[in-house]
mmCIF file of all heavy atoms, coordinates in Angstrom:
data_MODEL
# 
_entry.id   MODEL 
# 
loop_
_atom_site.group_PDB 
_atom_site.id 
_atom_site.type_symbol 
_atom_site.label_atom_id 
_atom_site.label_alt_id 
_atom_site.label_comp_id 
_atom_site.label_asym_id 
_atom_site.label_entity_id 
_atom_site.label_seq_id 
_atom_site.pdbx_PDB_ins_code 
_atom_site.Cartn_x 
_atom_site.Cartn_y 
_atom_site.Cartn_z 
_atom_site.occupancy 
_atom_site.B_iso_or_equiv 
_atom_site.pdbx_formal_charge 
_atom_site.auth_seq_id 
_atom_site.auth_comp_id 
_atom_site.auth_asym_id 
_atom_site.auth_atom_id 
_atom_site.pdbx_PDB_model_num 
ATOM 1   N N   . THR A 1 1  ? 0.819  -1.221  -0.035  1.00 0.00 ? 1  THR A N   1 
ATOM 2   C CA  . THR A 1 1  ? -0.043 -0.037  -0.009  1.00 0.00 ? 1  THR A CA  1 
ATOM 3   C C   . THR A 1 1  ? 0.875  1.256   -0.017  1.00 0.00 ? 1  THR A C   1 
ATOM 4   O O   . THR A 1 1  ? 0.474  2.299   -0.574  1.00 0.00 ? 1  THR A O   1 
ATOM 5   C CB  . THR A 1 1  ? -0.901 0.067   1.195   1.00 0.00 ? 1  THR A CB  1 
ATOM 6   O OG1 . THR A 1 1  ? -0.215 -0.087  2.439   1.00 0.00 ? 1  THR A OG1 1 
ATOM 7   C CG2 . THR A 1 1  ? -2.041 -1.012  1.168   1.00 0.00 ? 1  THR A CG2 1 
ATOM 8   N N   . GLN A 1 2  ? 2.010  1.213   0.670   1.00 0.00 ? 2  GLN A N   1 
ATOM 9   C CA  . GLN A 1 2  ? 2.926  2.380   0.624   1.00 0.00 ? 2  GLN A CA  1 
ATOM 10  C C   . GLN A 1 2  ? 3.569  2.632   -0.757  1.00 0.00 ? 2  GLN A C   1 
ATOM 11  O O   . GLN A 1 2  ? 3.708  3.789   -1.149  1.00 0.00 ? 2  GLN A O   1 
ATOM 12  C CB  . GLN A 1 2  ? 4.061  2.155   1.684   1.00 0.00 ? 2  GLN A CB  1 
ATOM 13  C CG  . GLN A 1 2  ? 3.546  2.144   3.094   1.00 0.00 ? 2  GLN A CG  1 
ATOM 14  C CD  . GLN A 1 2  ? 4.623  1.816   4.063   1.00 0.00 ? 2  GLN A CD  1 
ATOM 15  O OE1 . GLN A 1 2  ? 5.756  1.443   3.684   1.00 0.00 ? 2  GLN A OE1 1 
ATOM 16  N NE2 . GLN A 1 2  ? 4.393  1.846   5.359   1.00 0.00 ? 2  GLN A NE2 1 
ATOM 17  N N   . GLU A 1 3  ? 3.861  1.666   -1.369  1.00 0.00 ? 3  GLU A N   1 
ATOM 18  C CA  . GLU A 1 3  ? 4.535  1.750   -2.699  1.00 0.00 ? 3  GLU A CA  1 
ATOM 19  C C   . GLU A 1 3  ? 3.587  1.608   -3.929  1.00 0.00 ? 3  GLU A C   1 
ATOM 20  O O   . GLU A 1 3  ? 4.118  1.560   -5.002  1.00 0.00 ? 3  GLU A O   1 
ATOM 21  C CB  . GLU A 1 3  ? 5.692  0.772   -2.816  1.00 0.00 ? 3  GLU A CB  1 
ATOM 22  C CG  . GLU A 1 3  ? 6.739  0.971   -1.720  1.00 0.00 ? 3  GLU A CG  1 
ATOM 23  C CD  . GLU A 1 3  ? 7.814  -0.103  -1.854  1.00 0.00 ? 3  GLU A CD  1 
ATOM 24  O OE1 . GLU A 1 3  ? 7.912  -0.923  -2.815  1.00 0.00 ? 3  GLU A OE1 1 
ATOM 25  O OE2 . GLU A 1 3  ? 8.604  -0.149  -0.834  1.00 0.00 ? 3  GLU A OE2 1 
ATOM 26  N N   . LYS A 1 4  ? 2.361  1.531   -3.607  1.00 0.00 ? 4  LYS A N   1 
ATOM 27  C CA  . LYS A 1 4  ? 1.270  1.421   -4.692  1.00 0.00 ? 4  LYS A CA  1 
ATOM 28  C C   . LYS A 1 4  ? 1.452  0.050   -5.430  1.00 0.00 ? 4  LYS A C   1 
ATOM 29  O O   . LYS A 1 4  ? 1.080  -0.079  -6.560  1.00 0.00 ? 4  LYS A O   1 
ATOM 30  C CB  . LYS A 1 4  ? 1.313  2.506   -5.732  1.00 0.00 ? 4  LYS A CB  1 
ATOM 31  C CG  . LYS A 1 4  ? 1.052  3.931   -4.977  1.00 0.00 ? 4  LYS A CG  1 
ATOM 32  C CD  . LYS A 1 4  ? -0.365 3.907   -4.603  1.00 0.00 ? 4  LYS A CD  1 
ATOM 33  C CE  . LYS A 1 4  ? -0.628 5.302   -3.936  1.00 0.00 ? 4  LYS A CE  1 
ATOM 34  N NZ  . LYS A 1 4  ? -1.957 5.515   -3.426  1.00 0.00 ? 4  LYS A NZ  1 
ATOM 35  N N   . GLY A 1 5  ? 2.078  -0.905  -4.808  1.00 0.00 ? 5  GLY A N   1 
ATOM 36  C CA  . GLY A 1 5  ? 2.102  -2.308  -5.314  1.00 0.00 ? 5  GLY A CA  1 
ATOM 37  C C   . GLY A 1 5  ? 2.866  -2.498  -6.694  1.00 0.00 ? 5  GLY A C   1 
ATOM 38  O O   . GLY A 1 5  ? 2.311  -2.217  -7.723  1.00 0.00 ? 5  GLY A O   1 
ATOM 39  N N   . THR A 1 6  ? 4.055  -3.025  -6.557  1.00 0.00 ? 6  THR A N   1 
ATOM 40  C CA  . THR A 1 6  ? 4.802  -3.457  -7.672  1.00 0.00 ? 6  THR A CA  1 
ATOM 41  C C   . THR A 1 6  ? 4.361  -4.974  -7.926  1.00 0.00 ? 6  THR A C   1 
ATOM 42  O O   . THR A 1 6  ? 4.068  -5.625  -6.999  1.00 0.00 ? 6  THR A O   1 
ATOM 43  C CB  . THR A 1 6  ? 6.237  -3.364  -7.560  1.00 0.00 ? 6  THR A CB  1 
ATOM 44  O OG1 . THR A 1 6  ? 6.788  -4.023  -6.347  1.00 0.00 ? 6  THR A OG1 1 
ATOM 45  C CG2 . THR A 1 6  ? 6.729  -1.793  -7.379  1.00 0.00 ? 6  THR A CG2 1 
ATOM 46  N N   . ASP A 1 7  ? 4.497  -5.383  -9.168  1.00 0.00 ? 7  ASP A N   1 
ATOM 47  C CA  . ASP A 1 7  ? 4.177  -6.762  -9.483  1.00 0.00 ? 7  ASP A CA  1 
ATOM 48  C C   . ASP A 1 7  ? 4.820  -7.781  -8.668  1.00 0.00 ? 7  ASP A C   1 
ATOM 49  O O   . ASP A 1 7  ? 4.204  -8.753  -8.155  1.00 0.00 ? 7  ASP A O   1 
ATOM 50  C CB  . ASP A 1 7  ? 4.481  -7.071  -10.946 1.00 0.00 ? 7  ASP A CB  1 
ATOM 51  C CG  . ASP A 1 7  ? 3.358  -6.303  -11.834 1.00 0.00 ? 7  ASP A CG  1 
ATOM 52  O OD1 . ASP A 1 7  ? 2.369  -5.922  -11.344 1.00 0.00 ? 7  ASP A OD1 1 
ATOM 53  O OD2 . ASP A 1 7  ? 3.637  -6.232  -13.066 1.00 0.00 ? 7  ASP A OD2 1 
ATOM 54  N N   . PRO A 1 8  ? 6.140  -7.831  -8.378  1.00 0.00 ? 8  PRO A N   1 
ATOM 55  C CA  . PRO A 1 8  ? 6.742  -8.852  -7.550  1.00 0.00 ? 8  PRO A CA  1 
ATOM 56  C C   . PRO A 1 8  ? 6.145  -8.894  -6.139  1.00 0.00 ? 8  PRO A C   1 
ATOM 57  O O   . PRO A 1 8  ? 5.954  -9.893  -5.528  1.00 0.00 ? 8  PRO A O   1 
ATOM 58  C CB  . PRO A 1 8  ? 8.239  -8.510  -7.524  1.00 0.00 ? 8  PRO A CB  1 
ATOM 59  C CG  . PRO A 1 8  ? 8.481  -7.680  -8.781  1.00 0.00 ? 8  PRO A CG  1 
ATOM 60  C CD  . PRO A 1 8  ? 7.144  -6.915  -9.003  1.00 0.00 ? 8  PRO A CD  1 
ATOM 61  N N   . GLN A 1 9  ? 5.912  -7.770  -5.616  1.00 0.00 ? 9  GLN A N   1 
ATOM 62  C CA  . GLN A 1 9  ? 5.258  -7.694  -4.250  1.00 0.00 ? 9  GLN A CA  1 
ATOM 63  C C   . GLN A 1 9  ? 3.855  -8.205  -4.244  1.00 0.00 ? 9  GLN A C   1 
ATOM 64  O O   . GLN A 1 9  ? 3.447  -8.982  -3.259  1.00 0.00 ? 9  GLN A O   1 
ATOM 65  C CB  . GLN A 1 9  ? 5.252  -6.300  -3.726  1.00 0.00 ? 9  GLN A CB  1 
ATOM 66  C CG  . GLN A 1 9  ? 6.713  -5.808  -3.348  1.00 0.00 ? 9  GLN A CG  1 
ATOM 67  C CD  . GLN A 1 9  ? 6.723  -4.366  -2.925  1.00 0.00 ? 9  GLN A CD  1 
ATOM 68  O OE1 . GLN A 1 9  ? 5.786  -3.645  -3.238  1.00 0.00 ? 9  GLN A OE1 1 
ATOM 69  N NE2 . GLN A 1 9  ? 7.700  -3.916  -2.148  1.00 0.00 ? 9  GLN A NE2 1 
ATOM 70  N N   . VAL A 1 10 ? 3.165  -7.966  -5.246  1.00 0.00 ? 10 VAL A N   1 
ATOM 71  C CA  . VAL A 1 10 ? 1.745  -8.466  -5.313  1.00 0.00 ? 10 VAL A CA  1 
ATOM 72  C C   . VAL A 1 10 ? 1.763  -9.991  -5.376  1.00 0.00 ? 10 VAL A C   1 
ATOM 73  O O   . VAL A 1 10 ? 1.026  -10.683 -4.757  1.00 0.00 ? 10 VAL A O   1 
ATOM 74  C CB  . VAL A 1 10 ? 0.997  -7.847  -6.451  1.00 0.00 ? 10 VAL A CB  1 
ATOM 75  C CG1 . VAL A 1 10 ? -0.353 -8.520  -6.686  1.00 0.00 ? 10 VAL A CG1 1 
ATOM 76  C CG2 . VAL A 1 10 ? 0.824  -6.324  -6.274  1.00 0.00 ? 10 VAL A CG2 1 
ATOM 77  N N   . GLU A 1 11 ? 2.734  -10.469 -6.205  1.00 0.00 ? 11 GLU A N   1 
ATOM 78  C CA  . GLU A 1 11 ? 2.829  -11.969 -6.378  1.00 0.00 ? 11 GLU A CA  1 
ATOM 79  C C   . GLU A 1 11 ? 3.187  -12.591 -5.083  1.00 0.00 ? 11 GLU A C   1 
ATOM 80  O O   . GLU A 1 11 ? 2.712  -13.665 -4.631  1.00 0.00 ? 11 GLU A O   1 
ATOM 81  C CB  . GLU A 1 11 ? 3.827  -12.211 -7.445  1.00 0.00 ? 11 GLU A CB  1 
ATOM 82  C CG  . GLU A 1 11 ? 3.324  -11.889 -8.872  1.00 0.00 ? 11 GLU A CG  1 
ATOM 83  C CD  . GLU A 1 11 ? 4.385  -12.100 -9.909  1.00 0.00 ? 11 GLU A CD  1 
ATOM 84  O OE1 . GLU A 1 11 ? 5.521  -12.706 -9.600  1.00 0.00 ? 11 GLU A OE1 1 
ATOM 85  O OE2 . GLU A 1 11 ? 4.161  -11.762 -11.092 1.00 0.00 ? 11 GLU A OE2 1 
ATOM 86  N N   . GLU A 1 12 ? 4.186  -11.909 -4.352  1.00 0.00 ? 12 GLU A N   1 
ATOM 87  C CA  . GLU A 1 12 ? 4.628  -12.501 -3.040  1.00 0.00 ? 12 GLU A CA  1 
ATOM 88  C C   . GLU A 1 12 ? 3.488  -12.487 -2.085  1.00 0.00 ? 12 GLU A C   1 
ATOM 89  O O   . GLU A 1 12 ? 3.280  -13.456 -1.270  1.00 0.00 ? 12 GLU A O   1 
ATOM 90  C CB  . GLU A 1 12 ? 5.804  -11.674 -2.542  1.00 0.00 ? 12 GLU A CB  1 
ATOM 91  C CG  . GLU A 1 12 ? 6.352  -12.086 -1.196  1.00 0.00 ? 12 GLU A CG  1 
ATOM 92  C CD  . GLU A 1 12 ? 7.054  -13.515 -1.256  1.00 0.00 ? 12 GLU A CD  1 
ATOM 93  O OE1 . GLU A 1 12 ? 7.201  -14.143 -2.274  1.00 0.00 ? 12 GLU A OE1 1 
ATOM 94  O OE2 . GLU A 1 12 ? 7.330  -14.022 -0.108  1.00 0.00 ? 12 GLU A OE2 1 
ATOM 95  N N   . LEU A 1 13 ? 2.672  -11.431 -2.056  1.00 0.00 ? 13 LEU A N   1 
ATOM 96  C CA  . LEU A 1 13 ? 1.595  -11.258 -1.140  1.00 0.00 ? 13 LEU A CA  1 
ATOM 97  C C   . LEU A 1 13 ? 0.554  -12.364 -1.525  1.00 0.00 ? 13 LEU A C   1 
ATOM 98  O O   . LEU A 1 13 ? 0.155  -13.049 -0.523  1.00 0.00 ? 13 LEU A O   1 
ATOM 99  C CB  . LEU A 1 13 ? 0.904  -9.908  -1.266  1.00 0.00 ? 13 LEU A CB  1 
ATOM 100 C CG  . LEU A 1 13 ? -0.384 -9.696  -0.408  1.00 0.00 ? 13 LEU A CG  1 
ATOM 101 C CD1 . LEU A 1 13 ? -0.021 -9.845  1.040   1.00 0.00 ? 13 LEU A CD1 1 
ATOM 102 C CD2 . LEU A 1 13 ? -0.980 -8.319  -0.745  1.00 0.00 ? 13 LEU A CD2 1 
ATOM 103 N N   . GLU A 1 14 ? 0.259  -12.662 -2.606  1.00 0.00 ? 14 GLU A N   1 
ATOM 104 C CA  . GLU A 1 14 ? -0.673 -13.636 -2.990  1.00 0.00 ? 14 GLU A CA  1 
ATOM 105 C C   . GLU A 1 14 ? -0.122 -15.084 -2.714  1.00 0.00 ? 14 GLU A C   1 
ATOM 106 O O   . GLU A 1 14 ? -0.888 -15.956 -2.150  1.00 0.00 ? 14 GLU A O   1 
ATOM 107 C CB  . GLU A 1 14 ? -0.985 -13.585 -4.560  1.00 0.00 ? 14 GLU A CB  1 
ATOM 108 C CG  . GLU A 1 14 ? -1.812 -12.373 -4.962  1.00 0.00 ? 14 GLU A CG  1 
ATOM 109 C CD  . GLU A 1 14 ? -3.143 -12.279 -4.146  1.00 0.00 ? 14 GLU A CD  1 
ATOM 110 O OE1 . GLU A 1 14 ? -3.832 -13.252 -3.925  1.00 0.00 ? 14 GLU A OE1 1 
ATOM 111 O OE2 . GLU A 1 14 ? -3.474 -11.206 -3.696  1.00 0.00 ? 14 GLU A OE2 1 
ATOM 112 N N   . ARG A 1 15 ? 1.147  -15.312 -2.851  1.00 0.00 ? 15 ARG A N   1 
ATOM 113 C CA  . ARG A 1 15 ? 1.772  -16.612 -2.517  1.00 0.00 ? 15 ARG A CA  1 
ATOM 114 C C   . ARG A 1 15 ? 1.691  -16.723 -1.000  1.00 0.00 ? 15 ARG A C   1 
ATOM 115 O O   . ARG A 1 15 ? 1.335  -17.812 -0.547  1.00 0.00 ? 15 ARG A O   1 
ATOM 116 C CB  . ARG A 1 15 ? 3.261  -16.586 -3.032  1.00 0.00 ? 15 ARG A CB  1 
ATOM 117 C CG  . ARG A 1 15 ? 3.881  -17.896 -2.740  1.00 0.00 ? 15 ARG A CG  1 
ATOM 118 C CD  . ARG A 1 15 ? 5.354  -17.955 -2.968  1.00 0.00 ? 15 ARG A CD  1 
ATOM 119 N NE  . ARG A 1 15 ? 6.063  -17.085 -2.044  1.00 0.00 ? 15 ARG A NE  1 
ATOM 120 C CZ  . ARG A 1 15 ? 6.456  -17.485 -0.763  1.00 0.00 ? 15 ARG A CZ  1 
ATOM 121 N NH1 . ARG A 1 15 ? 5.972  -18.730 -0.331  1.00 0.00 ? 15 ARG A NH1 1 
ATOM 122 N NH2 . ARG A 1 15 ? 7.029  -16.763 0.014   1.00 0.00 ? 15 ARG A NH2 1 
ATOM 123 N N   . LEU A 1 16 ? 1.966  -15.732 -0.284  1.00 0.00 ? 16 LEU A N   1 
ATOM 124 C CA  . LEU A 1 16 ? 1.899  -15.853 1.229   1.00 0.00 ? 16 LEU A CA  1 
ATOM 125 C C   . LEU A 1 16 ? 0.485  -16.106 1.714   1.00 0.00 ? 16 LEU A C   1 
ATOM 126 O O   . LEU A 1 16 ? 0.219  -16.909 2.662   1.00 0.00 ? 16 LEU A O   1 
ATOM 127 C CB  . LEU A 1 16 ? 2.523  -14.634 1.825   1.00 0.00 ? 16 LEU A CB  1 
ATOM 128 C CG  . LEU A 1 16 ? 4.113  -14.513 1.818   1.00 0.00 ? 16 LEU A CG  1 
ATOM 129 C CD1 . LEU A 1 16 ? 4.506  -13.151 2.327   1.00 0.00 ? 16 LEU A CD1 1 
ATOM 130 C CD2 . LEU A 1 16 ? 4.714  -15.633 2.527   1.00 0.00 ? 16 LEU A CD2 1 
ATOM 131 N N   . ARG A 1 17 ? -0.493 -15.463 1.083   1.00 0.00 ? 17 ARG A N   1 
ATOM 132 C CA  . ARG A 1 17 ? -1.909 -15.692 1.430   1.00 0.00 ? 17 ARG A CA  1 
ATOM 133 C C   . ARG A 1 17 ? -2.223 -17.083 1.138   1.00 0.00 ? 17 ARG A C   1 
ATOM 134 O O   . ARG A 1 17 ? -2.987 -17.768 1.997   1.00 0.00 ? 17 ARG A O   1 
ATOM 135 C CB  . ARG A 1 17 ? -2.785 -14.700 0.646   1.00 0.00 ? 17 ARG A CB  1 
ATOM 136 C CG  . ARG A 1 17 ? -2.754 -13.367 1.170   1.00 0.00 ? 17 ARG A CG  1 
ATOM 137 C CD  . ARG A 1 17 ? -3.741 -12.487 0.431   1.00 0.00 ? 17 ARG A CD  1 
ATOM 138 N NE  . ARG A 1 17 ? -3.771 -11.133 1.100   1.00 0.00 ? 17 ARG A NE  1 
ATOM 139 C CZ  . ARG A 1 17 ? -4.113 -10.060 0.438   1.00 0.00 ? 17 ARG A CZ  1 
ATOM 140 N NH1 . ARG A 1 17 ? -4.531 -10.119 -0.842  1.00 0.00 ? 17 ARG A NH1 1 
ATOM 141 N NH2 . ARG A 1 17 ? -4.164 -8.891  1.077   1.00 0.00 ? 17 ARG A NH2 1 
ATOM 142 N N   . ALA A 1 18 ? -1.852 -17.645 -0.021  1.00 0.00 ? 18 ALA A N   1 
ATOM 143 C CA  . ALA A 1 18 ? -2.128 -18.969 -0.295  1.00 0.00 ? 18 ALA A CA  1 
ATOM 144 C C   . ALA A 1 18 ? -1.517 -19.955 0.586   1.00 0.00 ? 18 ALA A C   1 
ATOM 145 O O   . ALA A 1 18 ? -2.076 -21.011 1.088   1.00 0.00 ? 18 ALA A O   1 
ATOM 146 C CB  . ALA A 1 18 ? -1.775 -19.337 -1.735  1.00 0.00 ? 18 ALA A CB  1 
ATOM 147 N N   . GLU A 1 19 ? -0.211 -19.692 1.062   1.00 0.00 ? 19 GLU A N   1 
ATOM 148 C CA  . GLU A 1 19 ? 0.520  -20.474 1.978   1.00 0.00 ? 19 GLU A CA  1 
ATOM 149 C C   . GLU A 1 19 ? -0.165 -20.515 3.374   1.00 0.00 ? 19 GLU A C   1 
ATOM 150 O O   . GLU A 1 19 ? -0.420 -21.624 3.978   1.00 0.00 ? 19 GLU A O   1 
ATOM 151 C CB  . GLU A 1 19 ? 1.875  -20.016 2.103   1.00 0.00 ? 19 GLU A CB  1 
ATOM 152 C CG  . GLU A 1 19 ? 2.776  -20.887 2.967   1.00 0.00 ? 19 GLU A CG  1 
ATOM 153 C CD  . GLU A 1 19 ? 4.241  -20.435 3.021   1.00 0.00 ? 19 GLU A CD  1 
ATOM 154 O OE1 . GLU A 1 19 ? 4.809  -19.949 2.052   1.00 0.00 ? 19 GLU A OE1 1 
ATOM 155 O OE2 . GLU A 1 19 ? 4.743  -20.489 4.143   1.00 0.00 ? 19 GLU A OE2 1 
ATOM 156 N N   . VAL A 1 20 ? -0.644 -19.387 3.780   1.00 0.00 ? 20 VAL A N   1 
ATOM 157 C CA  . VAL A 1 20 ? -1.350 -19.287 5.041   1.00 0.00 ? 20 VAL A CA  1 
ATOM 158 C C   . VAL A 1 20 ? -2.662 -19.977 5.051   1.00 0.00 ? 20 VAL A C   1 
ATOM 159 O O   . VAL A 1 20 ? -2.960 -20.758 5.993   1.00 0.00 ? 20 VAL A O   1 
ATOM 160 C CB  . VAL A 1 20 ? -1.527 -17.759 5.553   1.00 0.00 ? 20 VAL A CB  1 
ATOM 161 C CG1 . VAL A 1 20 ? -2.547 -17.656 6.652   1.00 0.00 ? 20 VAL A CG1 1 
ATOM 162 C CG2 . VAL A 1 20 ? -0.243 -17.106 5.848   1.00 0.00 ? 20 VAL A CG2 1 
ATOM 163 N N   . ALA A 1 21 ? -3.391 -19.860 3.935   1.00 0.00 ? 21 ALA A N   1 
ATOM 164 C CA  . ALA A 1 21 ? -4.677 -20.568 3.830   1.00 0.00 ? 21 ALA A CA  1 
ATOM 165 C C   . ALA A 1 21 ? -4.474 -22.067 3.850   1.00 0.00 ? 21 ALA A C   1 
ATOM 166 O O   . ALA A 1 21 ? -5.261 -22.890 4.479   1.00 0.00 ? 21 ALA A O   1 
ATOM 167 C CB  . ALA A 1 21 ? -5.343 -20.130 2.497   1.00 0.00 ? 21 ALA A CB  1 
ATOM 168 N N   . GLU A 1 22 ? -3.388 -22.529 3.211   1.00 0.00 ? 22 GLU A N   1 
ATOM 169 C CA  . GLU A 1 22 ? -3.169 -24.021 3.227   1.00 0.00 ? 22 GLU A CA  1 
ATOM 170 C C   . GLU A 1 22 ? -2.701 -24.515 4.518   1.00 0.00 ? 22 GLU A C   1 
ATOM 171 O O   . GLU A 1 22 ? -3.179 -25.526 4.968   1.00 0.00 ? 22 GLU A O   1 
ATOM 172 C CB  . GLU A 1 22 ? -2.064 -24.296 2.170   1.00 0.00 ? 22 GLU A CB  1 
ATOM 173 C CG  . GLU A 1 22 ? -1.608 -25.741 2.071   1.00 0.00 ? 22 GLU A CG  1 
ATOM 174 C CD  . GLU A 1 22 ? -2.616 -26.688 1.595   1.00 0.00 ? 22 GLU A CD  1 
ATOM 175 O OE1 . GLU A 1 22 ? -3.611 -26.316 1.039   1.00 0.00 ? 22 GLU A OE1 1 
ATOM 176 O OE2 . GLU A 1 22 ? -2.495 -27.956 1.815   1.00 0.00 ? 22 GLU A OE2 1 
ATOM 177 N N   . LEU A 1 23 ? -1.874 -23.675 5.306   1.00 0.00 ? 23 LEU A N   1 
ATOM 178 C CA  . LEU A 1 23 ? -1.506 -24.101 6.599   1.00 0.00 ? 23 LEU A CA  1 
ATOM 179 C C   . LEU A 1 23 ? -2.724 -24.232 7.533   1.00 0.00 ? 23 LEU A C   1 
ATOM 180 O O   . LEU A 1 23 ? -2.912 -25.068 8.377   1.00 0.00 ? 23 LEU A O   1 
ATOM 181 C CB  . LEU A 1 23 ? -0.525 -23.086 7.205   1.00 0.00 ? 23 LEU A CB  1 
ATOM 182 C CG  . LEU A 1 23 ? 0.906  -23.205 6.574   1.00 0.00 ? 23 LEU A CG  1 
ATOM 183 C CD1 . LEU A 1 23 ? 1.740  -22.025 7.084   1.00 0.00 ? 23 LEU A CD1 1 
ATOM 184 C CD2 . LEU A 1 23 ? 1.536  -24.626 6.807   1.00 0.00 ? 23 LEU A CD2 1 
ATOM 185 N N   . LYS A 1 24 ? -3.621 -23.180 7.426   1.00 0.00 ? 24 LYS A N   1 
ATOM 186 C CA  . LYS A 1 24 ? -4.891 -23.240 8.199   1.00 0.00 ? 24 LYS A CA  1 
ATOM 187 C C   . LYS A 1 24 ? -5.722 -24.427 7.885   1.00 0.00 ? 24 LYS A C   1 
ATOM 188 O O   . LYS A 1 24 ? -6.347 -25.038 8.732   1.00 0.00 ? 24 LYS A O   1 
ATOM 189 C CB  . LYS A 1 24 ? -5.625 -21.888 8.010   1.00 0.00 ? 24 LYS A CB  1 
ATOM 190 C CG  . LYS A 1 24 ? -5.013 -20.763 8.667   1.00 0.00 ? 24 LYS A CG  1 
ATOM 191 C CD  . LYS A 1 24 ? -5.841 -19.451 8.431   1.00 0.00 ? 24 LYS A CD  1 
ATOM 192 C CE  . LYS A 1 24 ? -5.213 -18.350 9.236   1.00 0.00 ? 24 LYS A CE  1 
ATOM 193 N NZ  . LYS A 1 24 ? -5.871 -17.000 9.091   1.00 0.00 ? 24 LYS A NZ  1 
ATOM 194 N N   . ARG A 1 25 ? -5.779 -24.743 6.603   1.00 0.00 ? 25 ARG A N   1 
ATOM 195 C CA  . ARG A 1 25 ? -6.572 -25.902 6.232   1.00 0.00 ? 25 ARG A CA  1 
ATOM 196 C C   . ARG A 1 25 ? -6.054 -27.194 6.773   1.00 0.00 ? 25 ARG A C   1 
ATOM 197 O O   . ARG A 1 25 ? -6.779 -28.000 7.243   1.00 0.00 ? 25 ARG A O   1 
ATOM 198 C CB  . ARG A 1 25 ? -6.636 -25.967 4.656   1.00 0.00 ? 25 ARG A CB  1 
ATOM 199 C CG  . ARG A 1 25 ? -7.544 -27.131 4.124   1.00 0.00 ? 25 ARG A CG  1 
ATOM 200 C CD  . ARG A 1 25 ? -7.309 -27.350 2.596   1.00 0.00 ? 25 ARG A CD  1 
ATOM 201 N NE  . ARG A 1 25 ? -6.022 -27.897 2.232   1.00 0.00 ? 25 ARG A NE  1 
ATOM 202 C CZ  . ARG A 1 25 ? -5.589 -29.113 2.440   1.00 0.00 ? 25 ARG A CZ  1 
ATOM 203 N NH1 . ARG A 1 25 ? -6.420 -29.950 2.972   1.00 0.00 ? 25 ARG A NH1 1 
ATOM 204 N NH2 . ARG A 1 25 ? -4.439 -29.442 2.063   1.00 0.00 ? 25 ARG A NH2 1 
# 
């Protein structure tokens, strides 16, 4: 949000969200 989202950061964020969701599952 501070840097208005560069593509690698968005990809990393999505990857981490998916990883957290899998761990919770």
